[in-house]
Protein backbone atom coordinates (compact mmCIF):
# COMPACT_ATOMS: atom_id res chain seq x y z
CA MET A 1 -6.03 -5.51 14.27
CA ASN A 2 -7.72 -3.74 11.09
CA SER A 3 -9.24 -6.80 9.44
CA LEU A 4 -8.30 -5.25 5.95
CA LEU A 5 -4.51 -6.16 6.79
CA GLU A 6 -5.39 -9.93 6.48
CA ARG A 7 -5.09 -8.98 2.94
CA ILE A 8 -1.66 -8.11 2.86
CA SER A 9 0.78 -11.03 2.91
CA ILE A 10 5.04 -10.82 3.67
CA ASN A 11 6.84 -13.73 2.22
CA PRO A 12 10.43 -13.70 2.02
CA ASN A 13 10.06 -16.06 -0.93
CA VAL A 14 7.82 -13.79 -2.87
CA CYS A 15 8.98 -9.90 -4.05
CA PHE A 16 11.77 -10.40 -1.96
CA GLY A 17 9.72 -10.30 1.06
CA LYS A 18 7.93 -7.05 0.08
CA PRO A 19 4.31 -6.63 1.73
CA CYS A 20 2.27 -7.55 -1.39
CA ILE A 21 -1.59 -8.22 -1.74
CA ARG A 22 -2.30 -11.45 -0.54
CA GLY A 23 -2.08 -14.17 -3.43
CA THR A 24 -0.71 -11.82 -5.69
CA ARG A 25 2.40 -10.13 -6.39
CA ILE A 26 0.97 -6.23 -6.48
CA TRP A 27 3.43 -4.49 -4.20
CA VAL A 28 1.64 -2.44 -1.30
CA SER A 29 3.89 0.05 -1.85
CA LEU A 30 2.93 0.56 -5.69
CA ILE A 31 -0.50 0.52 -5.13
CA LEU A 32 0.19 3.64 -2.52
CA ASP A 33 2.57 5.19 -5.04
CA PHE A 34 0.02 5.20 -7.81
CA LEU A 35 -2.57 6.87 -5.24
CA ALA A 36 -0.27 9.54 -4.08
CA SER A 37 0.65 10.36 -7.78
CA GLY A 38 -2.98 10.93 -8.60
CA THR A 39 -4.47 7.59 -9.91
CA ASN A 40 -7.74 7.14 -8.49
CA VAL A 41 -9.14 3.89 -7.02
CA GLU A 42 -11.54 3.28 -10.35
CA GLU A 43 -8.34 3.72 -12.77
CA LEU A 44 -6.05 1.49 -10.53
CA LEU A 45 -8.87 -1.28 -10.69
CA LYS A 46 -8.84 -1.07 -14.45
CA GLU A 47 -5.15 -1.31 -14.60
CA TYR A 48 -4.98 -4.27 -12.22
CA PRO A 49 -8.24 -6.02 -12.83
CA GLN A 50 -7.18 -8.91 -10.17
CA LEU A 51 -7.56 -6.01 -7.45
CA THR A 52 -10.40 -5.20 -5.52
CA ARG A 53 -11.65 -2.01 -3.73
CA GLU A 54 -11.01 -3.82 -0.31
CA ASP A 55 -7.07 -4.72 -1.69
CA VAL A 56 -6.69 -0.87 -2.22
CA LEU A 57 -8.24 -0.20 1.19
CA ALA A 58 -5.89 -2.81 2.71
CA ALA A 59 -2.77 -1.39 1.40
CA ILE A 60 -4.14 2.34 2.69
CA ALA A 61 -4.56 0.67 5.99
CA TYR A 62 -1.07 -0.91 5.69
CA GLY A 63 0.35 2.47 4.95
CA ALA A 64 -1.58 4.03 7.92
CA GLU A 65 -0.05 1.11 10.33
CA MET A 66 3.46 1.68 9.26
CA ALA A 67 2.96 5.30 9.80
CA ARG A 68 2.31 4.84 13.34
CA GLU A 69 4.94 2.21 13.91
CA ARG A 70 7.95 3.86 12.02
CA TYR A 71 8.82 7.51 10.88
CA VAL A 72 10.23 8.96 7.70
CA GLU A 73 12.34 12.00 8.33
CA ILE A 74 10.79 14.79 6.41
CA PRO A 75 12.74 18.19 6.35
CA ILE A 76 10.90 20.96 8.43
CA GLU A 77 10.30 23.90 6.17
CA VAL A 78 11.31 27.07 8.09
CA ALA A 79 9.01 30.37 7.26
CA ALA A 80 11.10 32.97 5.32
């Protein structure tokens, strides 16, 4: 297991059981959404000073692990 994943916690009594950065109520999905929308790591760390660079990397590692385990159906484009 990737050691970064130890920074992620899932507790049914915290944030509705959504994966969060350990010791915070910051959802992994929130971090990934920010990164996907073009926010860079430095901006994210400035907006959420309780996060570390390793926390952001842990969120990315979690997303990568989930992509290996679960599939999100995305429509296939047909060439015109």
